Amino acid sequence: MFRRTFWFTAGAAAGVWATAKVNRKLRQLTPESLAAQAADKAVEAGHRLKGFALDVRAGMAQRQEELNDALGIESRDHREELPAPHRPAALGTSNPYNRNEDH
């Protein structure tokens, strides 16, 4: 009698456990869940890529300083010496070189 009760209880518990596990896996495989997982992975990859780019930039700056020291070049911020970026004229302004104006 106790043996049957034990196995009945063990079987019922295994059935409940298996049902819960299958339902959990089915919820993970819904399109919404898969899309959310993909978005999370993409965001995580973006953060890793940004961190890598920042590390590369810091390494480049450090190496540039090392080269400047080795060559005896005085380091300075070159960004201040660059000219302002050229911006095209706003739409609607007259451009003497606009070939489509006559057509």
PDB file of N, CA and C in Angstrom:
ATOM      1  N   MET A   1       0.825  -1.193   0.000  1.00  0.00           N
ATOM      2  CA  MET A   1       0.000   0.000   0.000  1.00  0.00           C
ATOM      3  C   MET A   1       0.870   1.258   0.000  1.00  0.00           C
ATOM      4  N   PHE A   2       1.878   1.300   0.880  1.00  0.00           N
ATOM      5  CA  PHE A   2       2.738   2.476   0.930  1.00  0.00           C
ATOM      6  C   PHE A   2       3.573   2.601  -0.341  1.00  0.00           C
ATOM      7  N   ARG A   3       3.950   1.462  -0.889  1.00  0.00           N
ATOM      8  CA  ARG A   3       4.738   1.467  -2.112  1.00  0.00           C
ATOM      9  C   ARG A   3       3.937   2.108  -3.247  1.00  0.00           C
ATOM     10  N   ARG A   4       2.689   1.739  -3.374  1.00  0.00           N
ATOM     11  CA  ARG A   4       1.827   2.308  -4.420  1.00  0.00           C
ATOM     12  C   ARG A   4       1.618   3.804  -4.212  1.00  0.00           C
ATOM     13  N   THR A   5       1.412   4.204  -2.975  1.00  0.00           N
ATOM     14  CA  THR A   5       1.222   5.622  -2.665  1.00  0.00           C
ATOM     15  C   THR A   5       2.479   6.415  -2.997  1.00  0.00           C
ATOM     16  N   PHE A   6       3.644   5.848  -2.648  1.00  0.00           N
ATOM     17  CA  PHE A   6       4.904   6.515  -2.960  1.00  0.00           C
ATOM     18  C   PHE A   6       5.047   6.710  -4.462  1.00  0.00           C
ATOM     19  N   TRP A   7       4.839   5.667  -5.235  1.00  0.00           N
ATOM     20  CA  TRP A   7       5.030   5.773  -6.687  1.00  0.00           C
ATOM     21  C   TRP A   7       3.970   6.650  -7.327  1.00  0.00           C
ATOM     22  N   PHE A   8       2.762   6.624  -6.811  1.00  0.00           N
ATOM     23  CA  PHE A   8       1.727   7.515  -7.329  1.00  0.00           C
ATOM     24  C   PHE A   8       2.115   8.976  -7.087  1.00  0.00           C
ATOM     25  N   THR A   9       2.606   9.280  -5.881  1.00  0.00           N
ATOM     26  CA  THR A   9       3.020  10.635  -5.534  1.00  0.00           C
ATOM     27  C   THR A   9       4.234  11.052  -6.372  1.00  0.00           C
ATOM     28  N   ALA A  10       5.197  10.151  -6.525  1.00  0.00           N
ATOM     29  CA  ALA A  10       6.384  10.453  -7.324  1.00  0.00           C
ATOM     30  C   ALA A  10       5.989  10.712  -8.781  1.00  0.00           C
ATOM     31  N   GLY A  11       5.103   9.944  -9.328  1.00  0.00           N
ATOM     32  CA  GLY A  11       4.635  10.131 -10.711  1.00  0.00           C
ATOM     33  C   GLY A  11       3.889  11.445 -10.885  1.00  0.00           C
ATOM     34  N   ALA A  12       3.034  11.773  -9.911  1.00  0.00           N
ATOM     35  CA  ALA A  12       2.296  13.032  -9.981  1.00  0.00           C
ATOM     36  C   ALA A  12       3.251  14.214  -9.901  1.00  0.00           C
ATOM     37  N   ALA A  13       4.241  14.144  -9.020  1.00  0.00           N
ATOM     38  CA  ALA A  13       5.220  15.232  -8.891  1.00  0.00           C
ATOM     39  C   ALA A  13       6.036  15.365 -10.182  1.00  0.00           C
ATOM     40  N   ALA A  14       6.433  14.223 -10.765  1.00  0.00           N
ATOM     41  CA  ALA A  14       7.190  14.279 -12.023  1.00  0.00           C
ATOM     42  C   ALA A  14       6.331  14.867 -13.138  1.00  0.00           C
ATOM     43  N   GLY A  15       5.060  14.543 -13.156  1.00  0.00           N
ATOM     44  CA  GLY A  15       4.155  15.101 -14.169  1.00  0.00           C
ATOM     45  C   GLY A  15       3.988  16.603 -14.023  1.00  0.00           C
ATOM     46  N   VAL A  16       3.836  17.072 -12.794  1.00  0.00           N
ATOM     47  CA  VAL A  16       3.704  18.511 -12.547  1.00  0.00           C
ATOM     48  C   VAL A  16       4.991  19.227 -12.934  1.00  0.00           C
ATOM     49  N   TRP A  17       6.135  18.645 -12.547  1.00  0.00           N
ATOM     50  CA  TRP A  17       7.428  19.249 -12.879  1.00  0.00           C
ATOM     51  C   TRP A  17       7.624  19.320 -14.399  1.00  0.00           C
ATOM     52  N   ALA A  18       7.316  18.219 -15.104  1.00  0.00           N
ATOM     53  CA  ALA A  18       7.485  18.187 -16.562  1.00  0.00           C
ATOM     54  C   ALA A  18       6.540  19.171 -17.243  1.00  0.00           C
ATOM     55  N   THR A  19       5.310  19.272 -16.770  1.00  0.00           N
ATOM     56  CA  THR A  19       4.351  20.204 -17.345  1.00  0.00           C
ATOM     57  C   THR A  19       4.815  21.641 -17.158  1.00  0.00           C
ATOM     58  N   ALA A  20       5.301  21.958 -15.973  1.00  0.00           N
ATOM     59  CA  ALA A  20       5.785  23.319 -15.707  1.00  0.00           C
ATOM     60  C   ALA A  20       6.984  23.637 -16.587  1.00  0.00           C
ATOM     61  N   LYS A  21       7.888  22.680 -16.748  1.00  0.00           N
ATOM     62  CA  LYS A  21       9.081  22.896 -17.570  1.00  0.00           C
ATOM     63  C   LYS A  21       8.703  23.107 -19.039  1.00  0.00           C
ATOM     64  N   VAL A  22       7.785  22.319 -19.548  1.00  0.00           N
ATOM     65  CA  VAL A  22       7.340  22.458 -20.944  1.00  0.00           C
ATOM     66  C   VAL A  22       6.644  23.801 -21.145  1.00  0.00           C
ATOM     67  N   ASN A  23       5.781  24.194 -20.216  1.00  0.00           N
ATOM     68  CA  ASN A  23       5.092  25.478 -20.340  1.00  0.00           C
ATOM     69  C   ASN A  23       6.079  26.645 -20.305  1.00  0.00           C
ATOM     70  N   ARG A  24       7.102  26.558 -19.449  1.00  0.00           N
ATOM     71  CA  ARG A  24       8.123  27.604 -19.374  1.00  0.00           C
ATOM     72  C   ARG A  24       8.874  27.707 -20.709  1.00  0.00           C
ATOM     73  N   LYS A  25       9.231  26.567 -21.279  1.00  0.00           N
ATOM     74  CA  LYS A  25       9.951  26.549 -22.554  1.00  0.00           C
ATOM     75  C   LYS A  25       9.062  27.080 -23.685  1.00  0.00           C
ATOM     76  N   LEU A  26       7.789  26.760 -23.659  1.00  0.00           N
ATOM     77  CA  LEU A  26       6.866  27.261 -24.683  1.00  0.00           C
ATOM     78  C   LEU A  26       6.724  28.784 -24.600  1.00  0.00           C
ATOM     79  N   ARG A  27       6.706  29.325 -23.377  1.00  0.00           N
ATOM     80  CA  ARG A  27       6.637  30.781 -23.218  1.00  0.00           C
ATOM     81  C   ARG A  27       7.900  31.447 -23.749  1.00  0.00           C
ATOM     82  N   GLN A  28       9.050  30.781 -23.613  1.00  0.00           N
ATOM     83  CA  GLN A  28      10.301  31.340 -24.120  1.00  0.00           C
ATOM     84  C   GLN A  28      10.345  31.335 -25.644  1.00  0.00           C
ATOM     85  N   LEU A  29       9.573  30.484 -26.268  1.00  0.00           N
ATOM     86  CA  LEU A  29       9.609  30.351 -27.723  1.00  0.00           C
ATOM     87  C   LEU A  29       8.509  31.122 -28.435  1.00  0.00           C
ATOM     88  N   THR A  30       7.762  31.944 -27.724  1.00  0.00           N
ATOM     89  CA  THR A  30       6.759  32.768 -28.396  1.00  0.00           C
ATOM     90  C   THR A  30       7.473  33.862 -29.195  1.00  0.00           C
ATOM     91  N   PRO A  31       6.864  34.360 -30.264  1.00  0.00           N
ATOM     92  CA  PRO A  31       7.510  35.397 -31.064  1.00  0.00           C
ATOM     93  C   PRO A  31       7.880  36.645 -30.252  1.00  0.00           C
ATOM     94  N   GLU A  32       7.017  37.045 -29.329  1.00  0.00           N
ATOM     95  CA  GLU A  32       7.299  38.226 -28.519  1.00  0.00           C
ATOM     96  C   GLU A  32       8.525  38.011 -27.648  1.00  0.00           C
ATOM     97  N   SER A  33       8.606  36.814 -27.038  1.00  0.00           N
ATOM     98  CA  SER A  33       9.739  36.513 -26.179  1.00  0.00           C
ATOM     99  C   SER A  33      11.030  36.426 -26.992  1.00  0.00           C
ATOM    100  N   LEU A  34      10.973  35.803 -28.164  1.00  0.00           N
ATOM    101  CA  LEU A  34      12.158  35.717 -29.014  1.00  0.00           C
ATOM    102  C   LEU A  34      12.617  37.099 -29.472  1.00  0.00           C
ATOM    103  N   ALA A  35      11.656  37.968 -29.792  1.00  0.00           N
ATOM    104  CA  ALA A  35      12.012  39.330 -30.201  1.00  0.00           C
ATOM    105  C   ALA A  35      12.658  40.093 -29.053  1.00  0.00           C
ATOM    106  N   ALA A  36      12.129  39.928 -27.856  1.00  0.00           N
ATOM    107  CA  ALA A  36      12.708  40.603 -26.695  1.00  0.00           C
ATOM    108  C   ALA A  36      14.114  40.083 -26.407  1.00  0.00           C
ATOM    109  N   GLN A  37      14.308  38.781 -26.532  1.00  0.00           N
ATOM    110  CA  GLN A  37      15.636  38.213 -26.317  1.00  0.00           C
ATOM    111  C   GLN A  37      16.622  38.730 -27.357  1.00  0.00           C
ATOM    112  N   ALA A  38      16.184  38.805 -28.613  1.00  0.00           N
ATOM    113  CA  ALA A  38      17.062  39.311 -29.674  1.00  0.00           C
ATOM    114  C   ALA A  38      17.414  40.772 -29.430  1.00  0.00           C
ATOM    115  N   ALA A  39      16.439  41.557 -28.994  1.00  0.00           N
ATOM    116  CA  ALA A  39      16.703  42.970 -28.710  1.00  0.00           C
ATOM    117  C   ALA A  39      17.684  43.114 -27.554  1.00  0.00           C
ATOM    118  N   ASP A  40      17.510  42.310 -26.528  1.00  0.00           N
ATOM    119  CA  ASP A  40      18.443  42.354 -25.393  1.00  0.00           C
ATOM    120  C   ASP A  40      19.855  41.992 -25.824  1.00  0.00           C
ATOM    121  N   LYS A  41      19.983  40.965 -26.662  1.00  0.00           N
ATOM    122  CA  LYS A  41      21.307  40.561 -27.144  1.00  0.00           C
ATOM    123  C   LYS A  41      21.921  41.660 -28.009  1.00  0.00           C
ATOM    124  N   ALA A  42      21.095  42.326 -28.834  1.00  0.00           N
ATOM    125  CA  ALA A  42      21.608  43.402 -29.680  1.00  0.00           C
ATOM    126  C   ALA A  42      22.097  44.575 -28.841  1.00  0.00           C
ATOM    127  N   VAL A  43      21.346  44.930 -27.817  1.00  0.00           N
ATOM    128  CA  VAL A  43      21.757  46.022 -26.935  1.00  0.00           C
ATOM    129  C   VAL A  43      23.049  45.657 -26.213  1.00  0.00           C
ATOM    130  N   GLU A  44      23.128  44.422 -25.746  1.00  0.00           N
ATOM    131  CA  GLU A  44      24.340  43.966 -25.060  1.00  0.00           C
ATOM    132  C   GLU A  44      25.541  44.004 -26.008  1.00  0.00           C
ATOM    133  N   ALA A  45      25.352  43.563 -27.244  1.00  0.00           N
ATOM    134  CA  ALA A  45      26.437  43.595 -28.224  1.00  0.00           C
ATOM    135  C   ALA A  45      26.840  45.036 -28.529  1.00  0.00           C
ATOM    136  N   GLY A  46      25.869  45.935 -28.590  1.00  0.00           N
ATOM    137  CA  GLY A  46      26.179  47.344 -28.808  1.00  0.00           C
ATOM    138  C   GLY A  46      27.011  47.936 -27.691  1.00  0.00           C
ATOM    139  N   HIS A  47      26.680  47.578 -26.459  1.00  0.00           N
ATOM    140  CA  HIS A  47      27.462  48.069 -25.318  1.00  0.00           C
ATOM    141  C   HIS A  47      28.890  47.523 -25.357  1.00  0.00           C
ATOM    142  N   ARG A  48      29.021  46.252 -25.716  1.00  0.00           N
ATOM    143  CA  ARG A  48      30.359  45.668 -25.811  1.00  0.00           C
ATOM    144  C   ARG A  48      31.164  46.326 -26.924  1.00  0.00           C
ATOM    145  N   LEU A  49      30.514  46.574 -28.053  1.00  0.00           N
ATOM    146  CA  LEU A  49      31.201  47.210 -29.173  1.00  0.00           C
ATOM    147  C   LEU A  49      31.617  48.632 -28.822  1.00  0.00           C
ATOM    148  N   LYS A  50      30.760  49.353 -28.120  1.00  0.00           N
ATOM    149  CA  LYS A  50      31.101  50.710 -27.703  1.00  0.00           C
ATOM    150  C   LYS A  50      32.282  50.697 -26.735  1.00  0.00           C
ATOM    151  N   GLY A  51      32.267  49.757 -25.797  1.00  0.00           N
ATOM    152  CA  GLY A  51      33.380  49.633 -24.864  1.00  0.00           C
ATOM    153  C   GLY A  51      34.682  49.309 -25.583  1.00  0.00           C
ATOM    154  N   PHE A  52      34.605  48.429 -26.583  1.00  0.00           N
ATOM    155  CA  PHE A  52      35.787  48.087 -27.365  1.00  0.00           C
ATOM    156  C   PHE A  52      36.304  49.307 -28.116  1.00  0.00           C
ATOM    157  N   ALA A  53      35.401  50.064 -28.732  1.00  0.00           N
ATOM    158  CA  ALA A  53      35.810  51.262 -29.470  1.00  0.00           C
ATOM    159  C   ALA A  53      36.457  52.288 -28.543  1.00  0.00           C
ATOM    160  N   LEU A  54      35.916  52.452 -27.350  1.00  0.00           N
ATOM    161  CA  LEU A  54      36.517  53.378 -26.390  1.00  0.00           C
ATOM    162  C   LEU A  54      37.900  52.908 -25.946  1.00  0.00           C
ATOM    163  N   ASP A  55      38.056  51.596 -25.766  1.00  0.00           N
ATOM    164  CA  ASP A  55      39.369  51.058 -25.408  1.00  0.00           C
ATOM    165  C   ASP A  55      40.375  51.280 -26.535  1.00  0.00           C
ATOM    166  N   VAL A  56      39.938  51.061 -27.772  1.00  0.00           N
ATOM    167  CA  VAL A  56      40.825  51.275 -28.922  1.00  0.00           C
ATOM    168  C   VAL A  56      41.213  52.742 -29.010  1.00  0.00           C
ATOM    169  N   ARG A  57      40.260  53.632 -28.834  1.00  0.00           N
ATOM    170  CA  ARG A  57      40.556  55.063 -28.896  1.00  0.00           C
ATOM    171  C   ARG A  57      41.537  55.482 -27.802  1.00  0.00           C
ATOM    172  N   ALA A  58      41.345  54.958 -26.595  1.00  0.00           N
ATOM    173  CA  ALA A  58      42.268  55.285 -25.504  1.00  0.00           C
ATOM    174  C   ALA A  58      43.663  54.740 -25.796  1.00  0.00           C
ATOM    175  N   GLY A  59      43.723  53.528 -26.353  1.00  0.00           N
ATOM    176  CA  GLY A  59      45.011  52.960 -26.720  1.00  0.00           C
ATOM    177  C   GLY A  59      45.696  53.753 -27.817  1.00  0.00           C
ATOM    178  N   MET A  60      44.913  54.245 -28.777  1.00  0.00           N
ATOM    179  CA  MET A  60      45.476  55.062 -29.845  1.00  0.00           C
ATOM    180  C   MET A  60      46.048  56.360 -29.292  1.00  0.00           C
ATOM    181  N   ALA A  61      45.327  56.982 -28.389  1.00  0.00           N
ATOM    182  CA  ALA A  61      45.803  58.236 -27.798  1.00  0.00           C
ATOM    183  C   ALA A  61      47.066  58.001 -26.976  1.00  0.00           C
ATOM    184  N   GLN A  62      47.095  56.897 -26.237  1.00  0.00           N
ATOM    185  CA  GLN A  62      48.279  56.584 -25.440  1.00  0.00           C
ATOM    186  C   GLN A  62      49.478  56.323 -26.353  1.00  0.00           C
ATOM    187  N   ARG A  63      49.268  55.565 -27.408  1.00  0.00           N
ATOM    188  CA  ARG A  63      50.369  55.270 -28.330  1.00  0.00           C
ATOM    189  C   ARG A  63      50.834  56.534 -29.036  1.00  0.00           C
ATOM    190  N   GLN A  64      49.911  57.417 -29.377  1.00  0.00           N
ATOM    191  CA  GLN A  64      50.285  58.679 -30.023  1.00  0.00           C
ATOM    192  C   GLN A  64      51.171  59.507 -29.090  1.00  0.00           C
ATOM    193  N   GLU A  65      50.820  59.540 -27.811  1.00  0.00           N
ATOM    194  CA  GLU A  65      51.639  60.253 -26.838  1.00  0.00           C
ATOM    195  C   GLU A  65      53.031  59.622 -26.722  1.00  0.00           C
ATOM    196  N   GLU A  66      53.083  58.294 -26.717  1.00  0.00           N
ATOM    197  CA  GLU A  66      54.372  57.607 -26.657  1.00  0.00           C
ATOM    198  C   GLU A  66      55.238  57.944 -27.870  1.00  0.00           C
ATOM    199  N   LEU A  67      54.602  57.942 -29.060  1.00  0.00           N
ATOM    200  CA  LEU A  67      55.351  58.279 -30.277  1.00  0.00           C
ATOM    201  C   LEU A  67      55.800  59.731 -30.256  1.00  0.00           C
ATOM    202  N   ASN A  68      54.939  60.621 -29.799  1.00  0.00           N
ATOM    203  CA  ASN A  68      55.309  62.032 -29.707  1.00  0.00           C
ATOM    204  C   ASN A  68      56.483  62.222 -28.754  1.00  0.00           C
ATOM    205  N   ASP A  69      56.467  61.512 -27.629  1.00  0.00           N
ATOM    206  CA  ASP A  69      57.573  61.617 -26.679  1.00  0.00           C
ATOM    207  C   ASP A  69      58.855  61.052 -27.286  1.00  0.00           C
ATOM    208  N   ALA A  70      58.738  59.929 -27.995  1.00  0.00           N
ATOM    209  CA  ALA A  70      59.923  59.303 -28.581  1.00  0.00           C
ATOM    210  C   ALA A  70      60.532  60.172 -29.681  1.00  0.00           C
ATOM    211  N   LEU A  71      59.699  60.877 -30.424  1.00  0.00           N
ATOM    212  CA  LEU A  71      60.182  61.718 -31.515  1.00  0.00           C
ATOM    213  C   LEU A  71      60.468  63.145 -31.080  1.00  0.00           C
ATOM    214  N   GLY A  72      60.140  63.477 -29.859  1.00  0.00           N
ATOM    215  CA  GLY A  72      60.375  64.827 -29.353  1.00  0.00           C
ATOM    216  C   GLY A  72      59.396  65.845 -29.897  1.00  0.00           C
ATOM    217  N   ILE A  73      58.226  65.394 -30.273  1.00  0.00           N
ATOM    218  CA  ILE A  73      57.192  66.299 -30.786  1.00  0.00           C
ATOM    219  C   ILE A  73      56.351  66.769 -29.621  1.00  0.00           C
ATOM    220  N   GLU A  74      56.124  68.073 -29.580  1.00  0.00           N
ATOM    221  CA  GLU A  74      55.285  68.626 -28.514  1.00  0.00           C
ATOM    222  C   GLU A  74      53.834  68.271 -28.809  1.00  0.00           C
ATOM    223  N   SER A  75      53.161  67.642 -27.846  1.00  0.00           N
ATOM    224  CA  SER A  75      51.776  67.254 -28.096  1.00  0.00           C
ATOM    225  C   SER A  75      50.866  68.451 -27.898  1.00  0.00           C
ATOM    226  N   ARG A  76      49.882  68.521 -28.742  1.00  0.00           N
ATOM    227  CA  ARG A  76      48.884  69.593 -28.645  1.00  0.00           C
ATOM    228  C   ARG A  76      47.569  69.059 -29.180  1.00  0.00           C
ATOM    229  N   ASP A  77      46.525  69.741 -28.869  1.00  0.00           N
ATOM    230  CA  ASP A  77      45.203  69.312 -29.300  1.00  0.00           C
ATOM    231  C   ASP A  77      44.980  69.804 -30.724  1.00  0.00           C
ATOM    232  N   HIS A  78      44.944  68.894 -31.685  1.00  0.00           N
ATOM    233  CA  HIS A  78      44.808  69.260 -33.097  1.00  0.00           C
ATOM    234  C   HIS A  78      43.370  69.596 -33.469  1.00  0.00           C
ATOM    235  N   ARG A  79      42.452  69.273 -32.628  1.00  0.00           N
ATOM    236  CA  ARG A  79      41.057  69.548 -32.966  1.00  0.00           C
ATOM    237  C   ARG A  79      40.777  71.040 -33.057  1.00  0.00           C
ATOM    238  N   GLU A  80      41.505  71.852 -32.324  1.00  0.00           N
ATOM    239  CA  GLU A  80      41.273  73.297 -32.360  1.00  0.00           C
ATOM    240  C   GLU A  80      41.763  73.906 -33.669  1.00  0.00           C
ATOM    241  N   GLU A  81      42.717  73.258 -34.335  1.00  0.00           N
ATOM    242  CA  GLU A  81      43.294  73.805 -35.550  1.00  0.00           C
ATOM    243  C   GLU A  81      42.495  73.448 -36.799  1.00  0.00           C
ATOM    244  N   LEU A  82      41.597  72.499 -36.694  1.00  0.00           N
ATOM    245  CA  LEU A  82      40.851  72.079 -37.872  1.00  0.00           C
ATOM    246  C   LEU A  82      39.847  73.151 -38.275  1.00  0.00           C
ATOM    247  N   PRO A  83      39.657  73.342 -39.590  1.00  0.00           N
ATOM    248  CA  PRO A  83      38.666  74.317 -40.032  1.00  0.00           C
ATOM    249  C   PRO A  83      37.255  73.820 -39.734  1.00  0.00           C
ATOM    250  N   ALA A  84      36.344  74.746 -39.723  1.00  0.00           N
ATOM    251  CA  ALA A  84      34.952  74.393 -39.481  1.00  0.00           C
ATOM    252  C   ALA A  84      34.460  73.517 -40.624  1.00  0.00           C
ATOM    253  N   PRO A  85      33.599  72.548 -40.355  1.00  0.00           N
ATOM    254  CA  PRO A  85      33.113  71.680 -41.431  1.00  0.00           C
ATOM    255  C   PRO A  85      32.271  72.471 -42.427  1.00  0.00           C
ATOM    256  N   HIS A  86      32.406  72.110 -43.682  1.00  0.00           N
ATOM    257  CA  HIS A  86      31.639  72.765 -44.742  1.00  0.00           C
ATOM    258  C   HIS A  86      30.228  72.203 -44.740  1.00  0.00           C
ATOM    259  N   ARG A  87      29.259  73.074 -44.697  1.00  0.00           N
ATOM    260  CA  ARG A  87      27.866  72.632 -44.705  1.00  0.00           C
ATOM    261  C   ARG A  87      27.205  73.133 -45.974  1.00  0.00           C
ATOM    262  N   PRO A  88      26.469  72.271 -46.649  1.00  0.00           N
ATOM    263  CA  PRO A  88      25.794  72.700 -47.882  1.00  0.00           C
ATOM    264  C   PRO A  88      24.722  73.748 -47.581  1.00  0.00           C
ATOM    265  N   ALA A  89      24.433  74.533 -48.585  1.00  0.00           N
ATOM    266  CA  ALA A  89      23.417  75.576 -48.424  1.00  0.00           C
ATOM    267  C   ALA A  89      22.064  74.948 -48.121  1.00  0.00           C
ATOM    268  N   ALA A  90      21.256  75.690 -47.396  1.00  0.00           N
ATOM    269  CA  ALA A  90      19.933  75.200 -47.034  1.00  0.00           C
ATOM    270  C   ALA A  90      19.072  75.061 -48.277  1.00  0.00           C
ATOM    271  N   LEU A  91      18.089  74.184 -48.211  1.00  0.00           N
ATOM    272  CA  LEU A  91      17.187  73.996 -49.347  1.00  0.00           C
ATOM    273  C   LEU A  91      16.415  75.274 -49.622  1.00  0.00           C
ATOM    274  N   GLY A  92      16.193  75.522 -50.871  1.00  0.00           N
ATOM    275  CA  GLY A  92      15.411  76.682 -51.246  1.00  0.00           C
ATOM    276  C   GLY A  92      16.255  77.910 -51.532  1.00  0.00           C
ATOM    277  N   THR A  93      17.534  77.886 -51.265  1.00  0.00           N
ATOM    278  CA  THR A  93      18.380  79.029 -51.571  1.00  0.00           C
ATOM    279  C   THR A  93      18.861  78.908 -53.004  1.00  0.00           C
ATOM    280  N   SER A  94      19.159  80.003 -53.594  1.00  0.00           N
ATOM    281  CA  SER A  94      19.592  80.025 -54.975  1.00  0.00           C
ATOM    282  C   SER A  94      21.045  79.585 -55.055  1.00  0.00           C
ATOM    283  N   ASN A  95      21.312  78.625 -55.920  1.00  0.00           N
ATOM    284  CA  ASN A  95      22.658  78.118 -56.142  1.00  0.00           C
ATOM    285  C   ASN A  95      22.984  78.366 -57.608  1.00  0.00           C
ATOM    286  N   PRO A  96      24.024  79.148 -57.930  1.00  0.00           N
ATOM    287  CA  PRO A  96      24.302  79.456 -59.340  1.00  0.00           C
ATOM    288  C   PRO A  96      24.724  78.222 -60.122  1.00  0.00           C
ATOM    289  N   TYR A  97      25.115  77.166 -59.467  1.00  0.00           N
ATOM    290  CA  TYR A  97      25.579  75.986 -60.171  1.00  0.00           C
ATOM    291  C   TYR A  97      24.528  74.876 -60.194  1.00  0.00           C
ATOM    292  N   ASN A  98      23.297  75.196 -59.877  1.00  0.00           N
ATOM    293  CA  ASN A  98      22.235  74.205 -59.869  1.00  0.00           C
ATOM    294  C   ASN A  98      21.745  73.996 -61.294  1.00  0.00           C
ATOM    295  N   ARG A  99      22.048  72.879 -61.877  1.00  0.00           N
ATOM    296  CA  ARG A  99      21.666  72.606 -63.277  1.00  0.00           C
ATOM    297  C   ARG A  99      20.196  72.267 -63.407  1.00  0.00           C
ATOM    298  N   ASN A 100      19.545  71.877 -62.325  1.00  0.00           N
ATOM    299  CA  ASN A 100      18.135  71.498 -62.403  1.00  0.00           C
ATOM    300  C   ASN A 100      17.213  72.709 -62.288  1.00  0.00           C
ATOM    301  N   GLU A 101      17.759  73.861 -62.082  1.00  0.00           N
ATOM    302  CA  GLU A 101      16.941  75.048 -61.880  1.00  0.00           C
ATOM    303  C   GLU A 101      16.190  75.443 -63.155  1.00  0.00           C
ATOM    304  N   ASP A 102      16.804  75.243 -64.309  1.00  0.00           N
ATOM    305  CA  ASP A 102      16.193  75.657 -65.577  1.00  0.00           C
ATOM    306  C   ASP A 102      15.181  74.650 -66.089  1.00  0.00           C
ATOM    307  N   HIS A 103      15.121  73.495 -65.542  1.00  0.00           N
ATOM    308  CA  HIS A 103      14.262  72.457 -66.095  1.00  0.00           C
ATOM    309  C   HIS A 103      12.980  72.363 -65.394  1.00  0.00           C
TER     310      HIS A 103
END
